Every structure is written in C-alpha cells, then in structure tokens.
C-alpha cells in the first residue's frame, strides 16, 4: 500500500478502536455531555501518557515520528488484543513481512502431498486451505458438501472473501451470516497489516467496496484476528441445522497458508448428518 493509504488505514483503525472502549472500563465517568461512543482523543492521550496534539495527529493520519514504546502505550490505552497490536505496529511503523513480491509469487501456491493427505484424513471435518489473499487452494469432500463444489468454480474466482458476498449459497447457509463474514474479514485485515508492501490488497478492497456496499460497513468495523475461534450455526439445504467450531491453523512452509477446520460440535447431531449427507 502507498504511504497515504497506510496512514488512512491507521487513522480509520484508531478511530474505530477508540469508539469501542467504554469510559467506565478505564475508570472514567460517562458524563452527561459525552456525545460519541467510547473515549475522547484527549482521554486516550492521557491514558497513553502522550500529548493530545500528538495523538490527534496520529489519529488524523499525519506522517509523524512514532516509536514502538509510545505505540505500546497507545495500544494499552485502547485495550488492543495481541493481533490488534500487531496490526497497529505494522501500519504505524511499516513493519510488515518485508517481502517484495515478484510476479511469480502471485500465482496460486501448490499444497504438498502431505497436506493433501491431512485433508483426506479430516473426513468429517470440512476443511479449507487458503493463502494470504484468502484464495482457496485446497479443500476436502466434506467442505464441498457443506459449502460449495469448489471444483466447479474457476481457480481465479476462488477467493473466500469475494465468494462470501457473491454466492447466495453462503448467505443462505450461515444463520448469522455477518458473524461468519466478520471472522474472515478479521483474518484478512491481519494479512493486510502483515503485507503492507502488497498493493493488491488496496485494489481488492476498493473493488469490494464499489461492488458490494455491505462489505464496506463490515470492513470499517476494523476487527483483527489471526485465528478467530467461533461457533457457527449453519442451515444446510439438505442436512438442516449444523453446528461447527472453526479452528484456524497456520501451515509452516515457504507459502503462507492457512488451514481452516470446521469441527462438528460435540453433543450435536452434526457429524451424523454430515456422514449421511456424504454417503447419499
């Protein structure tokens, strides 16, 4: 991303996080004149031990000098999680992966035979393998039965973020579609901060905002998580109600791959329904 885009992303993130902090959670009175949710800029500055002017400039996205120690104080004041801190530092200090991408690295990565074997062994756990751009590069039969037949989707269209907004099957499947989408967007934002050098993210986000207005409202909530663990309820057209726990694992290797495993919830009939669905 360009320097201006990076600073704009930093500004939007800080504003979003400031609005999420309840005054009473940091020992401040809500007051009768508090017109906006969350903390005021001067309150964040006070909690972080910096001047109001400096923090205002930081939140406005001005190109000012920042240090890791001061950013840590700001992160503490805003009650950021570990992943949110990483995102803040990546934007403010440009501490991404440091990788300069070549054209050949834009190609879809290939998954190893051992990883394919793991996919097969997770027979009754729908599993997806995706790259750092959320492009789906591997899946098992259970995933095809629960989600989509990914074999029928051209490789260049298998971006999970785009599919969530384009394919009506996903919107019908997830009972809480917004929660489902937010999980993937939080992962995508973590990648966005990690790979600040890759302009592809800015182009993709701009495209999604233009084509899908609902993407913009969800993206602006600025959630960040490298591995969200959530319980998802699906209403499958053939199997009915299904409950899955989502677990994300990073695959070690030259390619930055993620393994998303949907495990049938215990004390539910989900696994039985999935077996029947696959056998049919």
Protein backbone atom coordinates (compact mmCIF):
# COMPACT_ATOMS: atom_id res chain seq x y z
CA UNK A 1 0.00 0.00 0.00
CA UNK A 2 1.13 3.59 -0.56
CA UNK A 3 2.20 5.77 2.35
CA UNK A 4 -1.04 7.77 2.12
CA UNK A 5 -3.17 4.63 2.07
CA UNK A 6 -1.26 3.23 5.04
CA UNK A 7 -1.85 6.40 7.07
CA UNK A 8 -5.53 6.44 6.13
CA UNK A 9 -5.86 2.83 7.28
CA UNK A 10 -4.08 3.72 10.53
CA UNK A 11 -6.45 6.66 11.09
CA UNK A 12 -9.57 4.57 10.49
CA UNK A 13 -8.32 1.81 12.78
CA UNK A 14 -7.53 4.14 15.69
CA UNK A 15 -10.90 5.88 15.43
CA UNK A 16 -12.71 2.55 15.34
CA UNK A 17 -10.84 1.15 18.35
CA UNK A 18 -11.26 4.35 20.38
CA UNK A 19 -15.03 4.16 19.88
CA UNK A 20 -15.08 0.61 21.30
CA UNK A 21 -13.51 1.43 24.68
CA UNK A 22 -16.10 2.10 27.37
CA UNK A 23 -15.12 5.06 29.60
CA UNK A 24 -16.08 3.16 32.74
CA UNK A 25 -13.72 0.32 31.78
CA UNK A 26 -10.77 2.69 32.31
CA UNK A 27 -12.19 4.42 35.37
CA UNK A 28 -13.72 7.43 33.63
CA UNK A 29 -17.19 8.85 34.11
CA UNK A 30 -19.57 8.62 31.17
CA UNK A 31 -20.78 12.17 31.82
CA UNK A 32 -23.91 13.82 30.51
CA UNK A 33 -22.13 15.70 27.71
CA UNK A 34 -20.49 12.66 26.11
CA UNK A 35 -21.90 12.71 22.59
CA UNK A 36 -19.81 9.99 20.95
CA UNK A 37 -19.30 6.35 21.95
CA UNK A 38 -16.03 5.33 23.51
CA UNK A 39 -13.21 7.59 24.62
CA UNK A 40 -12.33 11.11 23.57
CA UNK A 41 -8.96 11.77 21.95
CA UNK A 42 -7.70 13.66 24.96
CA UNK A 43 -8.63 10.73 27.19
CA UNK A 44 -6.65 8.28 25.07
CA UNK A 45 -3.70 10.69 25.15
CA UNK A 46 -3.92 10.96 28.93
CA UNK A 47 -4.07 7.18 29.38
CA UNK A 48 -1.15 6.69 26.99
CA UNK A 49 0.95 9.44 28.57
CA UNK A 50 1.28 11.49 25.39
CA UNK A 51 0.15 14.96 24.39
CA UNK A 52 -3.34 15.41 22.98
CA UNK A 53 -1.86 17.14 19.94
CA UNK A 54 0.48 14.24 19.17
CA UNK A 55 -2.27 11.64 19.48
CA UNK A 56 -4.65 13.78 17.42
CA UNK A 57 -2.08 13.97 14.65
CA UNK A 58 -1.53 10.20 14.85
CA UNK A 59 -5.26 9.53 14.59
CA UNK A 60 -5.62 12.02 11.75
CA UNK A 61 -3.09 10.00 9.78
CA UNK A 62 -0.39 12.63 9.69
CA UNK A 63 3.09 11.47 8.76
CA UNK A 64 4.72 11.97 12.18
CA UNK A 65 7.54 10.26 14.02
CA UNK A 66 6.42 7.38 16.25
CA UNK A 67 8.28 4.93 18.43
CA UNK A 68 7.50 1.36 19.45
CA UNK A 69 7.39 2.27 23.16
CA UNK A 70 4.85 5.05 22.64
CA UNK A 71 2.75 2.87 20.35
CA UNK A 72 2.72 0.24 23.06
CA UNK A 73 1.26 2.81 25.46
CA UNK A 74 -1.41 3.75 22.91
CA UNK A 75 -2.24 0.07 22.37
CA UNK A 76 -2.64 -0.42 26.11
CA UNK A 77 -4.87 2.63 26.40
CA UNK A 78 -7.09 1.30 23.60
CA UNK A 79 -7.15 -2.19 25.16
CA UNK A 80 -5.94 -3.84 21.96
CA UNK A 81 -5.56 -7.58 21.61
CA UNK A 82 -2.29 -9.16 20.53
CA UNK A 83 -3.42 -9.29 16.89
CA UNK A 84 -4.69 -5.72 17.01
CA UNK A 85 -1.35 -4.57 18.44
CA UNK A 86 0.49 -6.27 15.59
CA UNK A 87 -1.79 -4.53 13.11
CA UNK A 88 -1.23 -1.14 14.76
CA UNK A 89 2.55 -1.57 14.73
CA UNK A 90 2.53 -2.78 11.11
CA UNK A 91 0.68 0.33 9.95
CA UNK A 92 2.41 2.88 12.15
CA UNK A 93 5.96 1.57 11.78
CA UNK A 94 5.62 -0.17 8.39
CA UNK A 95 6.78 -3.39 9.99
CA UNK A 96 5.14 -5.84 7.61
CA UNK A 97 6.71 -9.00 6.31
CA UNK A 98 9.38 -7.09 4.41
CA UNK A 99 8.78 -9.27 1.37
CA UNK A 100 8.89 -7.66 -2.04
CA UNK A 101 6.57 -9.63 -4.26
CA UNK A 102 7.56 -10.88 -7.68
CA UNK A 103 5.15 -11.78 -10.46
CA UNK A 104 5.76 -15.47 -9.99
CA UNK A 105 4.71 -15.17 -6.34
CA UNK A 106 1.27 -14.01 -7.43
CA UNK A 107 0.49 -17.50 -8.69
CA UNK A 108 -1.68 -19.80 -6.61
CA UNK A 109 0.56 -21.81 -4.28
CA UNK A 110 0.60 -25.58 -4.55
CA UNK A 111 -0.17 -27.65 -1.47
CA UNK A 112 2.11 -30.54 -0.60
CA UNK A 113 1.14 -34.25 -0.83
CA UNK A 114 1.33 -34.50 2.97
CA UNK A 115 -1.13 -31.63 3.34
CA UNK A 116 -3.46 -33.29 0.85
CA UNK A 117 -3.27 -36.43 2.97
CA UNK A 118 -4.29 -34.42 6.04
CA UNK A 119 -7.28 -33.05 4.13
CA UNK A 120 -8.38 -36.59 3.28
CA UNK A 121 -7.96 -37.80 6.85
CA UNK A 122 -10.21 -35.00 8.16
CA UNK A 123 -13.07 -36.86 6.52
CA UNK A 124 -15.95 -35.49 8.58
CA UNK A 125 -14.46 -32.06 9.31
CA UNK A 126 -15.00 -29.62 6.42
CA UNK A 127 -11.55 -28.14 5.82
CA UNK A 128 -10.26 -25.35 3.57
CA UNK A 129 -6.69 -24.39 2.73
CA UNK A 130 -6.24 -20.74 1.77
CA UNK A 131 -3.34 -18.41 1.05
CA UNK A 132 -2.62 -14.94 2.45
CA UNK A 133 -5.04 -13.39 -0.03
CA UNK A 134 -7.81 -15.73 1.15
CA UNK A 135 -7.70 -17.63 -2.13
CA UNK A 136 -8.85 -21.22 -1.65
CA UNK A 137 -6.15 -23.60 -2.83
CA UNK A 138 -7.32 -26.84 -1.23
CA UNK A 139 -10.40 -28.47 0.31
CA UNK A 140 -11.80 -31.86 1.19
CA UNK A 141 -15.01 -33.62 0.23
CA UNK A 142 -16.75 -32.58 3.45
CA UNK A 143 -16.16 -28.91 2.57
CA UNK A 144 -17.66 -29.44 -0.89
CA UNK A 145 -20.78 -30.99 0.65
CA UNK A 146 -21.29 -28.30 3.30
CA UNK A 147 -20.20 -25.19 1.37
CA UNK A 148 -19.78 -25.32 -2.40
CA UNK A 149 -18.42 -27.66 -5.03
CA UNK A 150 -15.21 -25.69 -5.44
CA UNK A 151 -14.23 -27.80 -8.45
CA UNK A 152 -16.97 -26.02 -10.40
CA UNK A 153 -15.54 -22.58 -9.60
CA UNK A 154 -12.65 -21.31 -11.77
CA UNK A 155 -9.41 -21.02 -9.80
CA UNK A 156 -9.20 -17.24 -10.31
CA UNK A 157 -12.63 -16.83 -8.67
CA UNK A 158 -11.95 -18.94 -5.56
CA UNK A 159 -11.34 -16.02 -3.23
CA UNK A 160 -13.23 -16.73 0.00
CA UNK A 161 -13.90 -13.06 0.75
CA UNK A 162 -15.43 -12.49 -2.67
CA UNK A 163 -17.40 -15.75 -2.58
CA UNK A 164 -19.00 -14.80 0.74
CA UNK A 165 -20.59 -11.77 -0.92
CA UNK A 166 -21.17 -13.17 -4.41
CA UNK A 167 -22.54 -16.65 -3.78
CA UNK A 168 -26.04 -16.72 -2.33
CA UNK A 169 -25.36 -20.25 -1.04
CA UNK A 170 -23.18 -18.81 1.73
CA UNK A 171 -25.77 -16.22 2.72
CA UNK A 172 -28.45 -18.91 2.95
CA UNK A 173 -26.15 -21.34 4.76
CA UNK A 174 -24.95 -19.24 7.70
CA UNK A 175 -27.65 -18.40 10.24
CA UNK A 176 -25.55 -15.46 11.38
CA UNK A 177 -24.01 -14.50 8.04
CA UNK A 178 -22.45 -11.30 9.39
CA UNK A 179 -20.60 -13.20 12.12
CA UNK A 180 -19.39 -15.68 9.53
CA UNK A 181 -18.12 -12.88 7.30
CA UNK A 182 -16.57 -10.91 10.17
CA UNK A 183 -14.42 -13.89 11.05
CA UNK A 184 -12.89 -14.00 7.60
CA UNK A 185 -12.57 -10.22 7.38
CA UNK A 186 -10.68 -10.15 10.67
CA UNK A 187 -8.23 -12.68 9.23
CA UNK A 188 -7.99 -10.68 6.00
CA UNK A 189 -7.23 -7.48 7.92
CA UNK A 190 -4.46 -9.26 9.82
CA UNK A 191 -2.90 -10.18 6.46
CA UNK A 192 -3.46 -6.61 5.24
CA UNK A 193 -1.31 -5.29 8.06
CA UNK A 194 1.30 -8.01 7.71
CA UNK A 195 1.82 -7.42 3.98
CA UNK A 196 1.81 -3.63 3.85
CA UNK A 197 4.06 -3.74 0.77
CA UNK A 198 1.49 -5.57 -1.37
CA UNK A 199 -0.71 -3.12 -3.30
CA UNK A 200 -3.04 -5.96 -4.29
CA UNK A 201 -4.92 -5.57 -1.01
CA UNK A 202 -5.81 -1.94 -1.70
CA UNK A 203 -7.06 -2.79 -5.19
CA UNK A 204 -9.11 -5.71 -3.91
CA UNK A 205 -10.66 -3.71 -1.03
CA UNK A 206 -11.55 -0.84 -3.39
CA UNK A 207 -13.21 -3.30 -5.77
CA UNK A 208 -15.21 -4.95 -2.98
CA UNK A 209 -16.38 -1.58 -1.61
CA UNK A 210 -17.56 -0.49 -5.04
CA UNK A 211 -19.38 -3.72 -5.94
CA UNK A 212 -20.67 -4.76 -2.51
CA UNK A 213 -21.86 -1.90 -0.23
CA UNK A 214 -22.35 -4.33 2.67
CA UNK A 215 -18.64 -5.15 2.52
CA UNK A 216 -17.75 -1.56 3.38
CA UNK A 217 -19.86 -1.42 6.54
CA UNK A 218 -18.38 -4.68 7.84
CA UNK A 219 -14.82 -3.77 6.85
CA UNK A 220 -14.99 -0.41 8.63
CA UNK A 221 -15.57 -2.17 11.94
CA UNK A 222 -11.81 -2.88 11.85
CA UNK A 223 -11.80 -6.26 13.55
CA UNK A 224 -8.42 -8.01 13.55
CA UNK A 225 -7.69 -11.64 14.42
CA UNK A 226 -5.14 -14.05 13.01
CA UNK A 227 -7.13 -17.07 14.21
CA UNK A 228 -10.70 -16.44 15.41
CA UNK A 229 -12.34 -19.37 17.19
CA UNK A 230 -16.11 -19.24 16.81
CA UNK A 231 -19.15 -21.49 16.95
CA UNK A 232 -21.09 -21.29 13.70
CA UNK A 233 -24.64 -22.41 13.04
CA UNK A 234 -25.48 -23.46 9.50
CA UNK A 235 -28.85 -24.26 7.97
CA UNK A 236 -27.95 -26.69 5.24
CA UNK A 237 -30.48 -27.14 2.45
CA UNK A 238 -30.34 -30.94 2.75
CA UNK A 239 -28.99 -31.66 6.24
CA UNK A 240 -30.75 -28.94 8.23
CA UNK A 241 -29.20 -27.42 11.36
CA UNK A 242 -25.45 -28.00 11.71
CA UNK A 243 -23.07 -26.62 14.36
CA UNK A 244 -19.34 -26.26 13.76
CA UNK A 245 -16.38 -24.95 15.75
CA UNK A 246 -13.95 -23.09 13.49
CA UNK A 247 -10.25 -23.53 14.20
CA UNK A 248 -7.57 -21.84 12.06
CA UNK A 249 -4.04 -23.19 11.87
CA UNK A 250 -1.02 -21.73 10.12
CA UNK A 251 0.78 -24.14 7.81
CA UNK A 252 4.53 -23.79 8.19
CA UNK A 253 6.42 -23.61 4.91
CA UNK A 254 7.53 -21.31 2.11
CA UNK A 255 3.92 -20.32 1.30
CA UNK A 256 1.81 -18.50 3.89
CA UNK A 257 -1.08 -20.97 4.02
CA UNK A 258 -3.94 -21.30 6.49
CA UNK A 259 -5.89 -24.43 7.37
CA UNK A 260 -9.48 -23.68 8.43
CA UNK A 261 -11.08 -26.69 10.10
CA UNK A 262 -14.81 -26.85 10.85
CA UNK A 263 -15.21 -29.44 13.60
CA UNK A 264 -18.73 -30.77 14.29
CA UNK A 265 -19.86 -29.50 17.67
CA UNK A 266 -19.92 -32.20 20.37
CA UNK A 267 -23.31 -33.15 21.83
CA UNK A 268 -24.89 -32.30 18.48
CA UNK A 269 -26.10 -34.41 15.55
CA UNK A 270 -23.89 -32.50 13.09
CA UNK A 271 -21.36 -35.27 12.42
CA UNK A 272 -24.11 -37.84 11.87
CA UNK A 273 -25.89 -35.50 9.45
CA UNK A 274 -22.63 -34.86 7.61
CA UNK A 275 -21.96 -38.61 7.26
CA UNK A 276 -25.45 -39.15 5.89
CA UNK A 277 -25.04 -36.23 3.52
CA UNK A 278 -21.76 -37.55 2.15
CA UNK A 279 -22.99 -41.14 1.86
CA UNK A 280 -26.06 -40.03 -0.05
